[in-house]
Amino acid sequence: MEEIRLNVALLRRKVPNLTTAAKSIGIRPATVSNLCTGKIDLGKAEVKTLVGLASLANCTVDELIIRGEKKHMIETQIKALDFFAPLVKEGTIGLVARPGMGQLVILAELMHRFKESNHTSVFLLPQKEHSELEGTKELADYITTSVEDAYEKLSEITGDIIFITDRSYIISGELLDLQEKIISENIDGITTILVDLSGEVVDEEMPFGPLETVWQLDADLATRHMYPALHPIYSTSSVMEGTDVDQRHFGLRQRAQKLLRRYRELRSIVAVHGIQKLPEGELATYECGERLEAYFTQPFYVAEKFTGPGKAVSIEQTLNDVEMILEGKQDQVSVEELKFVGSLS
């Protein structure tokens, strides 16, 4: 069967305010978001939805569909990111969080790790000054202060680029203009990470427009200091469509999400009534969920004084570890022993 996917880049370029535009013709923004990230198989999308999106983008349905092209992930060696919502090479990634949930630490850690890879990081600073960026922005290979400066830097760098910027440039429309200019000049190899330091993105359905990867942070995990506080259910990536990712990875992620979804439901019972009130047969699920949640914490190089020495864990090792936890092969290990350990090996 032919592999098909939504042409997210085209949609982003042609329809800058997609949320409003989609609503105006009766398409739910959540539907568009799920199509972009692969939560909804494009082959199962309603024809009227595809026709509507094509009309918004002023293109044909055929132009809106990409056939046979495989997407690739950029391995960060951060367990939670790589396992639940891989960073899509040459895609656009949105970090959805309120202030204080650790998004800047994730950003700092990524830039630190990219220095050890063949990726060059370029940070276009927000239009407003943010003092909390001190100590983070300096980790970028290049810092720019305007769209014009960013374009000059992006056009002169050879090789893969991680371009980081703030949502303010989406609102102003300048990022769209920059992306169109980059496409017209045939500059490729750019992966974009979008942040919003105001925290307003949490209250909007599609704050960044169509995305290939969504990293949504979880207030409950952040409150309990389970970092990185990536929400394992709401975070997603178009790499995880099943056709682009290793099938073992795809299957383990489904199993892990199913377990963690039930574990989160059981936590509410335990919080109010105690663990002794869990339904018969659910104790094993709860305890496995506890272990899996603890495993996805990770020591960061940029936060070693809080988490201990930084650890890098390959996706292959992460898959092996998750499989062992799901199959009960780590039941002898306590939850506390699994926190901030890196790999189980």
Protein backbone atom coordinates (compact mmCIF):
# COMPACT_ATOMS: atom_id res chain seq x y z
CA MET A 1 0.00 0.00 0.00
CA GLU A 2 1.34 3.43 -0.96
CA GLU A 3 2.48 5.62 1.95
CA ILE A 4 0.81 9.02 2.02
CA ARG A 5 1.11 11.99 4.36
CA LEU A 6 -0.05 15.57 4.67
CA ASN A 7 2.19 18.21 3.12
CA VAL A 8 2.58 20.11 6.38
CA ALA A 9 5.23 22.50 5.01
CA LEU A 10 2.90 23.59 2.20
CA LEU A 11 -0.01 24.02 4.58
CA ARG A 12 2.08 26.05 7.00
CA ARG A 13 3.34 28.27 4.21
CA LYS A 14 -0.02 28.89 2.55
CA VAL A 15 -2.26 29.25 5.64
CA PRO A 16 -0.47 31.20 8.40
CA ASN A 17 -3.52 31.50 10.67
CA LEU A 18 -4.73 27.94 10.28
CA THR A 19 -6.79 27.77 13.49
CA THR A 20 -9.10 30.60 12.47
CA ALA A 21 -9.18 29.52 8.84
CA ALA A 22 -10.06 25.91 9.68
CA LYS A 23 -12.86 26.95 12.03
CA SER A 24 -14.30 29.28 9.39
CA ILE A 25 -15.00 26.33 7.07
CA GLY A 26 -16.12 23.90 9.76
CA ILE A 27 -12.89 21.94 10.34
CA ARG A 28 -11.86 21.41 13.97
CA PRO A 29 -8.32 22.68 14.66
CA ALA A 30 -7.66 19.50 16.64
CA THR A 31 -8.40 17.46 13.50
CA VAL A 32 -5.81 19.44 11.54
CA SER A 33 -3.27 19.04 14.35
CA ASN A 34 -3.83 15.28 14.50
CA LEU A 35 -3.44 14.97 10.72
CA CYS A 36 -0.17 16.94 10.84
CA THR A 37 1.37 14.81 13.60
CA GLY A 38 0.02 11.50 12.33
CA LYS A 39 -2.47 10.81 15.13
CA ILE A 40 -5.05 10.54 12.37
CA ASP A 41 -4.01 8.37 9.41
CA LEU A 42 -4.31 10.53 6.30
CA GLY A 43 -5.84 7.57 4.48
CA LYS A 44 -8.72 7.64 6.98
CA ALA A 45 -9.32 11.39 6.77
CA GLU A 46 -12.68 12.54 5.44
CA VAL A 47 -12.58 13.72 1.84
CA LYS A 48 -14.36 16.95 2.76
CA THR A 49 -11.60 17.71 5.29
CA LEU A 50 -8.86 17.31 2.68
CA VAL A 51 -10.85 19.31 0.14
CA GLY A 52 -11.36 22.05 2.73
CA LEU A 53 -7.65 22.20 3.59
CA ALA A 54 -6.75 22.29 -0.09
CA SER A 55 -9.14 25.20 -0.62
CA LEU A 56 -7.56 27.09 2.30
CA ALA A 57 -4.09 26.51 0.85
CA ASN A 58 -5.32 27.38 -2.64
CA CYS A 59 -3.92 24.15 -4.03
CA THR A 60 -5.19 20.79 -5.28
CA VAL A 61 -5.77 17.82 -2.97
CA ASP A 62 -2.93 16.07 -4.83
CA GLU A 63 -0.55 18.90 -3.91
CA LEU A 64 -1.60 18.55 -0.29
CA ILE A 65 -0.58 14.88 -0.20
CA ILE A 66 2.99 13.61 -0.21
CA ARG A 67 3.46 10.06 -1.43
CA GLY A 68 6.24 7.66 -0.58
CA GLU A 69 8.52 10.01 1.37
CA LYS A 70 9.91 8.73 4.66
CA LYS A 71 10.50 11.09 7.59
CA HIS A 72 13.53 10.72 9.81
CA MET A 73 14.10 11.50 13.46
CA ILE A 74 16.99 13.40 14.99
CA GLU A 75 18.10 11.34 17.95
CA THR A 76 18.62 13.54 21.01
CA GLN A 77 19.46 10.66 23.38
CA ILE A 78 16.89 12.13 25.77
CA LYS A 79 14.76 9.09 26.56
CA ALA A 80 11.31 10.66 26.85
CA LEU A 81 11.67 12.83 23.74
CA ASP A 82 13.06 10.10 21.49
CA PHE A 83 10.61 7.46 22.70
CA PHE A 84 7.30 9.35 22.81
CA ALA A 85 7.73 12.25 20.36
CA PRO A 86 10.86 12.11 18.20
CA LEU A 87 12.25 15.33 16.77
CA VAL A 88 11.48 15.30 13.02
CA LYS A 89 14.41 16.19 10.79
CA GLU A 90 13.62 19.38 8.82
CA GLY A 91 10.26 19.60 10.60
CA THR A 92 8.79 22.17 12.98
CA ILE A 93 8.59 21.34 16.67
CA GLY A 94 6.47 23.16 19.23
CA LEU A 95 7.22 23.18 22.97
CA VAL A 96 3.94 23.63 24.87
CA ALA A 97 4.41 24.60 28.52
CA ARG A 98 3.67 27.14 31.21
CA PRO A 99 6.56 29.01 32.83
CA GLY A 100 8.41 26.98 35.44
CA MET A 101 7.80 23.55 33.91
CA GLY A 102 11.34 23.12 32.63
CA GLN A 103 11.08 24.07 28.98
CA LEU A 104 14.18 26.28 29.09
CA VAL A 105 16.17 23.46 30.69
CA ILE A 106 15.12 21.15 27.86
CA LEU A 107 16.10 23.83 25.35
CA ALA A 108 19.48 24.35 27.04
CA GLU A 109 20.11 20.61 27.15
CA LEU A 110 19.28 20.20 23.47
CA MET A 111 21.67 22.99 22.46
CA HIS A 112 24.37 21.47 24.67
CA ARG A 113 23.89 18.07 22.99
CA PHE A 114 23.80 19.54 19.50
CA LYS A 115 27.30 20.91 20.08
CA GLU A 116 28.48 17.30 20.20
CA SER A 117 26.72 16.46 16.91
CA ASN A 118 26.91 17.74 13.34
CA HIS A 119 24.04 20.19 13.92
CA THR A 120 24.55 23.95 14.19
CA SER A 121 22.11 25.80 16.46
CA VAL A 122 20.86 29.31 15.66
CA PHE A 123 18.74 31.16 18.25
CA LEU A 124 16.55 34.05 17.08
CA LEU A 125 15.82 35.88 20.34
CA PRO A 126 12.24 36.88 21.23
CA GLN A 127 11.09 40.37 20.30
CA LYS A 128 10.73 41.21 24.01
CA GLU A 129 13.57 40.84 26.46
CA HIS A 130 13.34 37.80 28.74
CA SER A 131 15.81 37.73 31.63
CA GLU A 132 15.16 34.01 32.16
CA LEU A 133 17.01 33.31 28.91
CA GLU A 134 20.31 34.30 30.52
CA GLY A 135 22.49 31.22 30.67
CA THR A 136 20.38 29.41 28.05
CA LYS A 137 20.73 31.49 24.89
CA GLU A 138 24.53 31.46 25.24
CA LEU A 139 24.52 27.72 24.53
CA ALA A 140 23.48 28.36 20.92
CA ASP A 141 26.22 28.36 18.31
CA TYR A 142 24.85 31.64 16.98
CA ILE A 143 22.53 34.24 18.53
CA THR A 144 20.54 36.56 16.26
CA THR A 145 18.31 39.46 17.23
CA SER A 146 16.25 40.03 14.09
CA VAL A 147 14.66 38.03 11.28
CA GLU A 148 17.08 39.66 8.84
CA ASP A 149 20.10 38.61 10.92
CA ALA A 150 18.66 35.10 11.24
CA TYR A 151 18.23 34.78 7.48
CA GLU A 152 21.81 35.88 6.83
CA LYS A 153 23.14 33.34 9.31
CA LEU A 154 20.91 30.49 8.07
CA SER A 155 21.92 31.11 4.48
CA GLU A 156 25.66 31.03 5.17
CA ILE A 157 25.77 27.86 7.32
CA THR A 158 26.37 24.56 5.55
CA GLY A 159 25.00 21.32 6.98
CA ASP A 160 22.10 20.60 9.31
CA ILE A 161 20.71 23.49 11.36
CA ILE A 162 18.56 23.65 14.48
CA PHE A 163 16.73 26.97 14.36
CA ILE A 164 15.18 28.07 17.65
CA THR A 165 12.81 30.99 17.98
CA ASP A 166 9.85 32.41 19.85
CA ARG A 167 6.14 32.40 19.06
CA SER A 168 6.13 36.20 18.81
CA TYR A 169 7.48 35.86 15.26
CA ILE A 170 4.54 33.64 14.33
CA ILE A 171 2.07 36.22 15.62
CA SER A 172 3.79 39.03 13.72
CA GLY A 173 3.94 36.94 10.53
CA GLU A 174 7.70 37.43 10.22
CA LEU A 175 8.48 33.74 10.65
CA LEU A 176 6.20 32.86 7.75
CA ASP A 177 7.99 35.42 5.56
CA LEU A 178 11.35 33.99 6.64
CA GLN A 179 10.26 30.42 5.83
CA GLU A 180 9.00 31.47 2.40
CA LYS A 181 12.31 33.19 1.69
CA ILE A 182 14.26 30.13 2.81
CA ILE A 183 12.20 27.87 0.52
CA SER A 184 12.55 30.23 -2.44
CA GLU A 185 16.34 30.26 -1.97
CA ASN A 186 16.43 26.43 -1.73
CA ILE A 187 18.01 26.48 1.73
CA ASP A 188 17.37 23.09 3.28
CA GLY A 189 18.44 21.08 6.33
CA ILE A 190 16.70 23.41 8.80
CA THR A 191 14.80 21.95 11.76
CA THR A 192 12.78 24.55 13.68
CA ILE A 193 11.99 24.50 17.41
CA LEU A 194 9.34 26.98 18.60
CA VAL A 195 8.89 28.10 22.20
CA ASP A 196 6.55 30.49 23.98
CA LEU A 197 7.91 32.03 27.17
CA SER A 198 4.55 33.57 28.09
CA GLY A 199 2.90 30.17 28.60
CA GLU A 200 -0.18 31.23 26.65
CA VAL A 201 0.25 28.30 24.23
CA VAL A 202 -1.20 25.91 26.82
CA ASP A 203 -4.64 27.49 26.44
CA GLU A 204 -4.78 27.37 22.64
CA GLU A 205 -5.56 24.47 20.33
CA MET A 206 -2.92 25.19 17.68
CA PRO A 207 -0.72 27.98 19.08
CA PHE A 208 2.13 27.33 16.65
CA GLY A 209 0.11 26.23 13.61
CA PRO A 210 0.73 22.81 12.00
CA LEU A 211 3.60 20.92 13.61
CA GLU A 212 5.51 17.72 12.92
CA THR A 213 6.31 17.27 16.61
CA VAL A 214 4.54 18.47 19.76
CA TRP A 215 6.38 18.39 23.08
CA GLN A 216 3.77 19.11 25.73
CA LEU A 217 4.97 19.39 29.30
CA ASP A 218 2.94 18.10 32.23
CA ALA A 219 2.30 20.20 35.35
CA ASP A 220 1.86 17.12 37.54
CA LEU A 221 5.25 15.71 36.56
CA ALA A 222 6.91 19.12 37.00
CA THR A 223 5.34 19.54 40.46
CA ARG A 224 6.78 16.18 41.48
CA HIS A 225 10.19 17.09 39.99
CA MET A 226 10.00 14.28 37.41
CA TYR A 227 12.12 15.89 34.71
CA PRO A 228 11.99 16.20 31.77
CA ALA A 229 8.28 16.65 32.46
CA LEU A 230 7.15 15.45 29.03
CA HIS A 231 3.50 14.41 28.89
CA PRO A 232 3.68 10.83 27.56
CA ILE A 233 0.15 10.85 26.12
CA TYR A 234 -0.27 14.33 24.64
CA SER A 235 3.22 14.64 23.16
CA THR A 236 3.40 13.27 19.64
CA SER A 237 5.35 13.22 16.40
CA SER A 238 4.61 12.51 12.76
CA VAL A 239 7.55 10.09 12.81
CA MET A 240 5.32 7.82 14.92
CA GLU A 241 2.84 7.17 12.13
CA GLY A 242 3.90 3.55 11.92
CA THR A 243 5.36 3.80 8.42
CA ASP A 244 8.33 5.96 9.36
CA VAL A 245 9.39 4.43 12.66
CA ASP A 246 10.82 1.02 13.49
CA GLN A 247 7.84 -1.25 14.19
CA ARG A 248 9.32 -2.36 17.51
CA HIS A 249 9.46 1.28 18.60
CA PHE A 250 5.91 1.85 17.38
CA GLY A 251 4.59 -1.15 19.30
CA LEU A 252 6.45 -0.42 22.54
CA ARG A 253 5.26 3.18 22.51
CA GLN A 254 1.65 2.04 22.14
CA ARG A 255 2.06 -0.42 25.04
CA ALA A 256 3.77 2.19 27.23
CA GLN A 257 1.12 4.84 26.55
CA LYS A 258 -1.70 2.39 27.28
CA LEU A 259 -0.09 1.44 30.58
CA LEU A 260 0.67 5.04 31.59
CA ARG A 261 -2.84 6.17 30.69
CA ARG A 262 -4.29 3.57 33.08
CA TYR A 263 -1.63 4.31 35.70
CA ARG A 264 -2.62 7.97 35.67
CA GLU A 265 -6.25 7.01 36.26
CA LEU A 266 -5.23 4.79 39.19
CA ARG A 267 -3.12 7.56 40.71
CA SER A 268 -6.26 9.57 41.44
CA ILE A 269 -7.65 6.63 43.45
CA VAL A 270 -4.39 6.17 45.37
CA ALA A 271 -4.11 9.92 46.08
CA VAL A 272 -7.54 10.02 47.72
CA HIS A 273 -8.03 6.55 49.22
CA GLY A 274 -4.59 4.98 49.41
CA ILE A 275 -3.03 2.13 47.47
CA GLN A 276 -5.06 -0.45 49.42
CA LYS A 277 -8.21 0.73 47.64
CA LEU A 278 -6.99 -0.16 44.16
CA PRO A 279 -9.29 -2.58 42.29
CA GLU A 280 -8.20 -6.21 42.45
CA GLY A 281 -5.67 -6.98 39.77
CA GLU A 282 -4.67 -3.32 39.22
CA LEU A 283 -1.76 -3.23 41.68
CA ALA A 284 0.68 -4.68 39.14
CA THR A 285 -0.40 -2.08 36.55
CA TYR A 286 0.05 0.73 39.06
CA GLU A 287 3.49 -0.41 40.16
CA CYS A 288 4.67 -0.95 36.56
CA GLY A 289 3.42 2.55 35.70
CA GLU A 290 5.36 3.97 38.64
CA ARG A 291 8.55 2.31 37.42
CA LEU A 292 8.08 3.39 33.83
CA GLU A 293 7.34 6.98 34.83
CA ALA A 294 10.45 7.03 37.04
CA TYR A 295 12.59 5.55 34.26
CA PHE A 296 11.76 8.43 31.90
CA THR A 297 13.37 10.94 34.25
CA GLN A 298 16.92 11.69 33.14
CA PRO A 299 19.99 13.55 34.42
CA PHE A 300 20.85 16.51 32.17
CA TYR A 301 24.34 17.83 31.54
CA VAL A 302 23.15 21.42 32.04
CA ALA A 303 21.54 20.56 35.40
CA GLU A 304 24.09 18.23 36.95
CA LYS A 305 24.04 19.97 40.34
CA PHE A 306 20.37 19.00 40.64
CA THR A 307 20.18 15.65 38.83
CA GLY A 308 23.67 14.21 39.06
CA PRO A 309 26.02 13.61 36.09
CA GLY A 310 24.31 13.96 32.72
CA LYS A 311 23.41 10.81 30.82
CA ALA A 312 22.88 10.14 27.11
CA VAL A 313 20.76 7.10 26.25
CA SER A 314 20.42 5.81 22.70
CA ILE A 315 16.95 5.05 21.38
CA GLU A 316 17.95 1.38 20.99
CA GLN A 317 18.89 1.20 24.67
CA THR A 318 15.69 3.01 25.63
CA LEU A 319 13.61 0.45 23.71
CA ASN A 320 15.40 -2.41 25.48
CA ASP A 321 14.86 -0.79 28.90
CA VAL A 322 11.17 -0.04 28.31
CA GLU A 323 10.60 -3.59 27.12
CA MET A 324 12.18 -4.99 30.28
CA ILE A 325 10.00 -2.79 32.50
CA LEU A 326 6.81 -3.67 30.61
CA GLU A 327 7.62 -7.38 30.82
CA GLY A 328 8.22 -7.23 34.57
CA LYS A 329 11.96 -7.88 34.36
CA GLN A 330 12.68 -4.84 36.58
CA ASP A 331 10.07 -5.56 39.25
CA GLN A 332 12.82 -6.17 41.80
CA VAL A 333 14.05 -2.57 41.35
CA SER A 334 12.44 0.14 43.47
CA VAL A 335 10.91 3.27 41.98
CA GLU A 336 13.49 5.47 43.68
CA GLU A 337 16.32 3.45 42.15
CA LEU A 338 14.94 4.11 38.67
CA LYS A 339 14.80 7.89 39.00
CA PHE A 340 17.49 9.80 37.09
CA VAL A 341 19.54 6.70 36.25
CA GLY A 342 20.06 7.03 32.50
CA SER A 343 19.95 3.51 31.06
CA LEU A 344 19.26 0.34 33.02
CA SER A 345 22.52 -1.21 31.84
